[in-house]
């Protein structure tokens, strides 16, 4: 990302599978061995997580979407625990613990400076596009 001047414009950021995996391990230190696979229609997050007093292998897959202008979440999930498919209601409940996967306002401290408009998963990368407003020097707005 290159910032050329203050004012309003379009921001585009590309996040790789490795970048997202490392970020999730920092954001959720109880998750171990996180790996991320980004395809054209789904994102898969796998790893180990404590569950009822013991670690379990998990794999959560779903579509990814922008909501509230600052958040990216996994939707329409399928979840496997130790290789067994979990019920849809259980998968939705578990995803509440990691959704939003990314929040530009809270995770990056951008406040209301960036308004996400879309996320495009493809070939191992997420491309985030949105509007950004950088204040003019000396202007508090």
C-alpha atoms as a PDB file:
ATOM      1  CA  UNK A   1       0.000   0.000   0.000  1.00  0.00           C
ATOM      2  CA  UNK A   2       1.341   3.398  -1.001  1.00  0.00           C
ATOM      3  CA  UNK A   3      -0.021   6.664   0.394  1.00  0.00           C
ATOM      4  CA  UNK A   4       0.526   9.522  -2.012  1.00  0.00           C
ATOM      5  CA  UNK A   5      -1.466  12.353  -0.421  1.00  0.00           C
ATOM      6  CA  UNK A   6      -4.207  13.246   2.023  1.00  0.00           C
ATOM      7  CA  UNK A   7      -7.859  13.452   1.025  1.00  0.00           C
ATOM      8  CA  UNK A   8     -10.279  10.807  -0.220  1.00  0.00           C
ATOM      9  CA  UNK A   9      -9.626   7.927  -2.562  1.00  0.00           C
ATOM     10  CA  UNK A  10      -9.710   4.195  -3.110  1.00  0.00           C
ATOM     11  CA  UNK A  11      -7.668   1.821  -0.976  1.00  0.00           C
ATOM     12  CA  UNK A  12      -6.719  -1.647  -2.186  1.00  0.00           C
ATOM     13  CA  UNK A  13      -4.956  -4.131   0.050  1.00  0.00           C
ATOM     14  CA  UNK A  14      -3.910  -7.697  -0.735  1.00  0.00           C
ATOM     15  CA  UNK A  15      -3.725 -10.234   2.105  1.00  0.00           C
ATOM     16  CA  UNK A  16      -2.031 -13.602   1.500  1.00  0.00           C
ATOM     17  CA  UNK A  17      -2.916 -16.907   3.142  1.00  0.00           C
ATOM     18  CA  UNK A  18       0.259 -16.723   5.249  1.00  0.00           C
ATOM     19  CA  UNK A  19      -0.463 -13.124   6.299  1.00  0.00           C
ATOM     20  CA  UNK A  20      -3.969 -14.050   7.432  1.00  0.00           C
ATOM     21  CA  UNK A  21      -2.788 -17.189   9.270  1.00  0.00           C
ATOM     22  CA  UNK A  22      -0.126 -15.227  11.181  1.00  0.00           C
ATOM     23  CA  UNK A  23      -2.615 -12.480  12.002  1.00  0.00           C
ATOM     24  CA  UNK A  24      -5.186 -14.996  13.331  1.00  0.00           C
ATOM     25  CA  UNK A  25      -2.566 -16.675  15.536  1.00  0.00           C
ATOM     26  CA  UNK A  26      -1.715 -13.294  17.072  1.00  0.00           C
ATOM     27  CA  UNK A  27      -5.368 -12.275  17.435  1.00  0.00           C
ATOM     28  CA  UNK A  28      -6.425 -15.646  18.911  1.00  0.00           C
ATOM     29  CA  UNK A  29      -3.434 -17.050  20.835  1.00  0.00           C
ATOM     30  CA  UNK A  30      -5.460 -20.068  21.996  1.00  0.00           C
ATOM     31  CA  UNK A  31      -5.597 -21.309  18.375  1.00  0.00           C
ATOM     32  CA  UNK A  32      -2.517 -23.276  17.312  1.00  0.00           C
ATOM     33  CA  UNK A  33      -1.055 -24.313  13.971  1.00  0.00           C
ATOM     34  CA  UNK A  34      -3.388 -22.122  11.942  1.00  0.00           C
ATOM     35  CA  UNK A  35      -3.340 -22.526   8.180  1.00  0.00           C
ATOM     36  CA  UNK A  36      -5.498 -20.654   5.690  1.00  0.00           C
ATOM     37  CA  UNK A  37      -6.473 -21.657   2.152  1.00  0.00           C
ATOM     38  CA  UNK A  38      -8.121 -19.045  -0.054  1.00  0.00           C
ATOM     39  CA  UNK A  39      -9.921 -20.305  -3.149  1.00  0.00           C
ATOM     40  CA  UNK A  40     -12.187 -18.602  -5.656  1.00  0.00           C
ATOM     41  CA  UNK A  41     -15.374 -19.234  -3.697  1.00  0.00           C
ATOM     42  CA  UNK A  42     -14.346 -20.277  -0.192  1.00  0.00           C
ATOM     43  CA  UNK A  43     -11.849 -19.663   2.568  1.00  0.00           C
ATOM     44  CA  UNK A  44     -10.728 -22.525   4.816  1.00  0.00           C
ATOM     45  CA  UNK A  45      -9.173 -21.952   8.237  1.00  0.00           C
ATOM     46  CA  UNK A  46      -7.649 -25.017   9.921  1.00  0.00           C
ATOM     47  CA  UNK A  47      -5.745 -25.621  13.127  1.00  0.00           C
ATOM     48  CA  UNK A  48      -6.061 -26.804  16.729  1.00  0.00           C
ATOM     49  CA  UNK A  49      -8.299 -25.290  19.372  1.00  0.00           C
ATOM     50  CA  UNK A  50      -9.072 -26.042  23.010  1.00  0.00           C
ATOM     51  CA  UNK A  51     -12.531 -27.547  23.343  1.00  0.00           C
ATOM     52  CA  UNK A  52     -14.033 -28.974  26.541  1.00  0.00           C
ATOM     53  CA  UNK A  53     -10.630 -29.302  28.194  1.00  0.00           C
ATOM     54  CA  UNK A  54      -8.686 -30.818  25.292  1.00  0.00           C
ATOM     55  CA  UNK A  55      -7.264 -29.716  21.958  1.00  0.00           C
ATOM     56  CA  UNK A  56      -9.195 -30.681  18.833  1.00  0.00           C
ATOM     57  CA  UNK A  57      -8.317 -30.354  15.171  1.00  0.00           C
ATOM     58  CA  UNK A  58     -10.725 -28.096  13.331  1.00  0.00           C
ATOM     59  CA  UNK A  59     -11.351 -26.997   9.784  1.00  0.00           C
ATOM     60  CA  UNK A  60     -13.863 -24.244   9.020  1.00  0.00           C
ATOM     61  CA  UNK A  61     -14.787 -23.372   5.435  1.00  0.00           C
ATOM     62  CA  UNK A  62     -17.154 -20.810   4.043  1.00  0.00           C
ATOM     63  CA  UNK A  63     -17.702 -17.808   1.863  1.00  0.00           C
ATOM     64  CA  UNK A  64     -16.280 -14.500   2.953  1.00  0.00           C
ATOM     65  CA  UNK A  65     -18.053 -11.160   2.946  1.00  0.00           C
ATOM     66  CA  UNK A  66     -17.770  -7.547   4.060  1.00  0.00           C
ATOM     67  CA  UNK A  67     -20.302  -6.213   6.556  1.00  0.00           C
ATOM     68  CA  UNK A  68     -20.750  -2.966   8.467  1.00  0.00           C
ATOM     69  CA  UNK A  69     -18.124  -1.403   6.186  1.00  0.00           C
ATOM     70  CA  UNK A  70     -15.247  -2.410   8.466  1.00  0.00           C
ATOM     71  CA  UNK A  71     -15.521  -6.164   9.011  1.00  0.00           C
ATOM     72  CA  UNK A  72     -14.786  -9.324   7.031  1.00  0.00           C
ATOM     73  CA  UNK A  73     -16.459 -12.540   8.196  1.00  0.00           C
ATOM     74  CA  UNK A  74     -16.803 -16.161   7.138  1.00  0.00           C
ATOM     75  CA  UNK A  75     -20.419 -17.004   6.254  1.00  0.00           C
ATOM     76  CA  UNK A  76     -22.299 -20.184   5.280  1.00  0.00           C
ATOM     77  CA  UNK A  77     -19.778 -22.283   7.208  1.00  0.00           C
ATOM     78  CA  UNK A  78     -19.020 -25.959   7.292  1.00  0.00           C
ATOM     79  CA  UNK A  79     -17.028 -27.116  10.298  1.00  0.00           C
ATOM     80  CA  UNK A  80     -15.148 -30.302  11.010  1.00  0.00           C
ATOM     81  CA  UNK A  81     -13.864 -31.266  14.450  1.00  0.00           C
ATOM     82  CA  UNK A  82     -11.321 -34.094  14.486  1.00  0.00           C
ATOM     83  CA  UNK A  83     -12.478 -34.980  10.971  1.00  0.00           C
ATOM     84  CA  UNK A  84     -16.196 -35.188  11.831  1.00  0.00           C
ATOM     85  CA  UNK A  85     -18.695 -32.784  10.265  1.00  0.00           C
ATOM     86  CA  UNK A  86     -20.351 -30.611  12.912  1.00  0.00           C
ATOM     87  CA  UNK A  87     -24.010 -29.599  12.722  1.00  0.00           C
ATOM     88  CA  UNK A  88     -24.798 -26.318  10.992  1.00  0.00           C
ATOM     89  CA  UNK A  89     -25.996 -24.749  14.257  1.00  0.00           C
ATOM     90  CA  UNK A  90     -22.780 -25.775  16.042  1.00  0.00           C
ATOM     91  CA  UNK A  91     -20.676 -24.439  13.140  1.00  0.00           C
ATOM     92  CA  UNK A  92     -22.460 -21.079  13.316  1.00  0.00           C
ATOM     93  CA  UNK A  93     -21.927 -20.918  17.095  1.00  0.00           C
ATOM     94  CA  UNK A  94     -18.217 -21.737  16.772  1.00  0.00           C
ATOM     95  CA  UNK A  95     -17.680 -19.141  14.035  1.00  0.00           C
ATOM     96  CA  UNK A  96     -18.966 -16.469  16.395  1.00  0.00           C
ATOM     97  CA  UNK A  97     -15.673 -16.917  18.248  1.00  0.00           C
ATOM     98  CA  UNK A  98     -13.548 -15.955  15.206  1.00  0.00           C
ATOM     99  CA  UNK A  99     -15.911 -13.642  13.309  1.00  0.00           C
ATOM    100  CA  UNK A 100     -15.211 -11.055  12.291  1.00  0.00           C
ATOM    101  CA  UNK A 101     -11.990 -12.554  10.963  1.00  0.00           C
ATOM    102  CA  UNK A 102     -10.759  -9.047  10.273  1.00  0.00           C
ATOM    103  CA  UNK A 103     -11.973  -5.656  11.525  1.00  0.00           C
ATOM    104  CA  UNK A 104     -10.103  -2.701  10.038  1.00  0.00           C
ATOM    105  CA  UNK A 105     -11.470  -0.383  12.710  1.00  0.00           C
ATOM    106  CA  UNK A 106     -10.492  -2.437  15.767  1.00  0.00           C
ATOM    107  CA  UNK A 107      -7.668  -4.684  14.502  1.00  0.00           C
ATOM    108  CA  UNK A 108      -5.781  -1.988  12.595  1.00  0.00           C
ATOM    109  CA  UNK A 109      -6.839   1.150  14.472  1.00  0.00           C
ATOM    110  CA  UNK A 110      -8.081   2.853  11.317  1.00  0.00           C
ATOM    111  CA  UNK A 111     -11.223   4.083  13.027  1.00  0.00           C
ATOM    112  CA  UNK A 112     -13.639   5.386  10.434  1.00  0.00           C
ATOM    113  CA  UNK A 113     -10.886   6.314   7.981  1.00  0.00           C
ATOM    114  CA  UNK A 114     -11.533   3.252   5.798  1.00  0.00           C
ATOM    115  CA  UNK A 115     -14.873   1.957   4.580  1.00  0.00           C
ATOM    116  CA  UNK A 116     -14.561  -1.539   3.075  1.00  0.00           C
ATOM    117  CA  UNK A 117     -16.681  -2.082  -0.009  1.00  0.00           C
ATOM    118  CA  UNK A 118     -15.728  -5.559  -1.174  1.00  0.00           C
ATOM    119  CA  UNK A 119     -13.460  -8.527  -0.635  1.00  0.00           C
ATOM    120  CA  UNK A 120     -12.418 -10.794  -3.480  1.00  0.00           C
ATOM    121  CA  UNK A 121     -10.884 -14.199  -2.672  1.00  0.00           C
ATOM    122  CA  UNK A 122      -8.764 -15.686  -5.447  1.00  0.00           C
ATOM    123  CA  UNK A 123      -5.643 -17.787  -5.895  1.00  0.00           C
ATOM    124  CA  UNK A 124      -4.431 -17.691  -2.304  1.00  0.00           C
ATOM    125  CA  UNK A 125      -5.119 -13.991  -1.729  1.00  0.00           C
ATOM    126  CA  UNK A 126      -7.861 -11.718  -0.455  1.00  0.00           C
ATOM    127  CA  UNK A 127      -8.107  -8.382  -2.234  1.00  0.00           C
ATOM    128  CA  UNK A 128      -9.794  -5.770  -0.047  1.00  0.00           C
ATOM    129  CA  UNK A 129     -11.169  -2.653  -1.716  1.00  0.00           C
ATOM    130  CA  UNK A 130     -12.681   0.352  -0.036  1.00  0.00           C
ATOM    131  CA  UNK A 131     -12.892   4.082   0.296  1.00  0.00           C
ATOM    132  CA  UNK A 132     -10.326   5.828   2.442  1.00  0.00           C
ATOM    133  CA  UNK A 133     -10.246   9.354   3.779  1.00  0.00           C
ATOM    134  CA  UNK A 134      -6.956  10.676   5.099  1.00  0.00           C
ATOM    135  CA  UNK A 135      -7.271  13.989   6.931  1.00  0.00           C
ATOM    136  CA  UNK A 136      -5.499  17.006   5.499  1.00  0.00           C
ATOM    137  CA  UNK A 137      -2.674  18.100   7.816  1.00  0.00           C
ATOM    138  CA  UNK A 138      -3.986  20.482  10.469  1.00  0.00           C
ATOM    139  CA  UNK A 139      -7.590  19.415   9.856  1.00  0.00           C
ATOM    140  CA  UNK A 140      -9.095  17.332  12.653  1.00  0.00           C
ATOM    141  CA  UNK A 141     -11.944  15.925  10.497  1.00  0.00           C
END
